[in-house]
Amino acid sequence: MLSKRSSNLSKCANCGTINHKYKKSPLSIDYEILDPFLPRPGNDIKQVLWPEEARRILSNITEEHLEIMGLNKKTADPANMIIENLAVAPPPVRPSVAVTGATRSEDDLTVAYRAIIEFNNFIRKALSGGQNES
């Protein structure tokens, strides 16, 4: 028997499954399994949605559902929206930019690469060292 709390939760219009509750934190996407009938890994309702799991879920969307959403599996597969490998252009393709006279600066692409590397290092350090995610 469902409790009053679970009867007030949002449900899927097609199958009636109770939707999870998602929350974005700085280092992850957290969710709570609110459906009392779904298995909970480790009997914990709070879980982390890892990129691998998100990609697996997105890759299981049927072509029929993608068509309803206005997407084409060949040209706009949602699973491909999770970047697994990032190709880095070599420095000759992204040369430094002249700012004023003899002063030079890095181009926007190099600055973006640096930001990605710094954020990845921050995440790696936080996950391995158990630092607070805020």
Protein backbone atom coordinates (compact mmCIF):
# COMPACT_ATOMS: atom_id res chain seq x y z
CA MET A 1 0.00 0.00 0.00
CA LEU A 2 1.35 3.44 -0.94
CA SER A 3 1.66 6.06 1.75
CA LYS A 4 0.00 9.45 1.43
CA ARG A 5 3.44 10.94 0.76
CA SER A 6 4.04 8.72 -2.29
CA SER A 7 0.55 9.35 -3.69
CA ASN A 8 1.30 13.11 -3.90
CA LEU A 9 4.54 12.62 -5.87
CA SER A 10 4.87 13.38 -9.57
CA LYS A 11 4.37 10.36 -11.81
CA CYS A 12 5.15 9.48 -15.41
CA ALA A 13 2.11 10.22 -17.60
CA ASN A 14 2.69 7.05 -19.66
CA CYS A 15 3.49 4.33 -17.12
CA GLY A 16 2.58 5.86 -13.74
CA THR A 17 6.05 5.29 -12.25
CA ILE A 18 6.93 7.72 -9.48
CA ASN A 19 9.63 10.13 -10.67
CA HIS A 20 12.92 10.52 -8.81
CA LYS A 21 13.83 13.82 -7.17
CA TYR A 22 17.02 15.30 -8.69
CA LYS A 23 19.37 17.93 -7.25
CA LYS A 24 22.50 19.37 -8.87
CA SER A 25 25.46 19.84 -6.57
CA PRO A 26 28.83 21.32 -7.59
CA LEU A 27 30.45 17.93 -8.27
CA SER A 28 27.53 15.65 -9.09
CA ILE A 29 23.84 15.17 -9.76
CA ASP A 30 22.17 13.62 -6.73
CA TYR A 31 18.78 11.95 -6.76
CA GLU A 32 16.38 10.29 -4.36
CA ILE A 33 14.52 7.11 -5.27
CA LEU A 34 11.01 7.98 -4.09
CA ASP A 35 9.20 4.93 -5.47
CA PRO A 36 8.97 2.40 -2.59
CA PHE A 37 8.81 -0.49 -5.07
CA LEU A 38 12.08 0.25 -6.92
CA PRO A 39 15.30 -1.45 -5.78
CA ARG A 40 17.69 0.82 -3.92
CA PRO A 41 21.42 0.05 -4.15
CA GLY A 42 22.60 -0.44 -0.57
CA ASN A 43 19.05 0.29 0.68
CA ASP A 44 19.82 4.01 0.45
CA ILE A 45 17.24 6.26 -1.25
CA LYS A 46 19.88 8.94 -1.95
CA GLN A 47 22.07 8.12 -4.95
CA VAL A 48 24.55 9.85 -7.26
CA LEU A 49 23.92 9.91 -11.01
CA TRP A 50 27.34 9.21 -12.51
CA PRO A 51 28.11 10.17 -16.13
CA GLU A 52 28.41 6.53 -17.17
CA GLU A 53 24.94 5.77 -15.82
CA ALA A 54 23.48 8.90 -17.43
CA ARG A 55 24.98 7.91 -20.79
CA ARG A 56 23.57 4.37 -20.43
CA ILE A 57 20.10 5.75 -19.65
CA LEU A 58 20.22 8.18 -22.57
CA SER A 59 21.42 5.50 -24.98
CA ASN A 60 18.38 3.35 -24.09
CA ILE A 61 15.88 5.94 -25.36
CA THR A 62 14.04 4.33 -28.26
CA GLU A 63 14.00 5.88 -31.73
CA GLU A 64 10.24 6.23 -31.40
CA HIS A 65 10.58 8.34 -28.25
CA LEU A 66 13.39 10.39 -29.83
CA GLU A 67 11.10 11.13 -32.78
CA ILE A 68 8.37 12.30 -30.38
CA MET A 69 10.96 14.59 -28.74
CA GLY A 70 11.94 15.93 -32.16
CA LEU A 71 15.36 14.26 -32.25
CA ASN A 72 17.00 11.96 -34.78
CA LYS A 73 19.17 9.14 -33.36
CA LYS A 74 21.68 9.49 -36.21
CA THR A 75 22.16 13.27 -35.94
CA ALA A 76 21.18 14.15 -32.36
CA ASP A 77 21.60 11.14 -30.10
CA PRO A 78 21.20 12.36 -26.48
CA ALA A 79 23.84 9.85 -25.31
CA ASN A 80 26.41 11.78 -27.36
CA MET A 81 25.71 14.90 -25.29
CA ILE A 82 27.88 13.44 -22.54
CA ILE A 83 31.48 14.05 -23.57
CA GLU A 84 33.77 11.09 -22.95
CA ASN A 85 36.79 12.27 -24.93
CA LEU A 86 37.75 15.84 -25.73
CA ALA A 87 39.99 16.39 -28.72
CA VAL A 88 42.55 19.10 -28.01
CA ALA A 89 43.72 21.25 -30.90
CA PRO A 90 47.53 21.58 -31.04
CA PRO A 91 49.10 24.98 -30.21
CA PRO A 92 49.86 25.90 -33.87
CA VAL A 93 46.10 25.83 -34.54
CA ARG A 94 45.43 28.11 -31.55
CA PRO A 95 48.27 30.65 -31.60
CA SER A 96 48.61 33.46 -29.09
CA VAL A 97 46.85 36.73 -29.86
CA ALA A 98 48.49 40.17 -30.01
CA VAL A 99 46.81 42.45 -27.48
CA THR A 100 48.74 45.73 -27.63
CA GLY A 101 52.08 46.27 -29.32
CA ALA A 102 54.47 43.59 -28.07
CA THR A 103 52.03 42.15 -25.52
CA ARG A 104 50.63 38.72 -26.33
CA SER A 105 47.81 36.73 -24.76
CA GLU A 106 46.43 33.21 -25.09
CA ASP A 107 43.46 32.63 -27.35
CA ASP A 108 39.98 31.81 -25.97
CA LEU A 109 40.28 28.10 -26.78
CA THR A 110 43.48 27.72 -24.73
CA VAL A 111 41.81 29.54 -21.82
CA ALA A 112 38.82 27.17 -22.07
CA TYR A 113 41.13 24.11 -22.10
CA ARG A 114 42.88 25.42 -19.00
CA ALA A 115 39.54 25.92 -17.20
CA ILE A 116 38.46 22.35 -18.04
CA ILE A 117 41.74 20.91 -16.78
CA GLU A 118 41.60 22.96 -13.57
CA PHE A 119 38.01 21.90 -12.87
CA ASN A 120 38.80 18.23 -13.59
CA ASN A 121 41.76 18.42 -11.19
CA PHE A 122 39.50 20.04 -8.57
CA ILE A 123 36.94 17.22 -8.96
CA ARG A 124 39.65 14.53 -8.83
CA LYS A 125 41.16 16.04 -5.67
CA ALA A 126 37.74 16.46 -4.01
CA LEU A 127 36.68 12.88 -4.76
CA SER A 128 39.97 11.28 -3.70
CA GLY A 129 40.54 13.49 -0.67
CA GLY A 130 36.94 13.47 0.53
CA GLN A 131 36.74 17.25 0.52
CA ASN A 132 33.45 19.04 0.97
CA GLU A 133 31.65 19.49 -2.37
CA SER A 134 30.68 23.11 -1.75
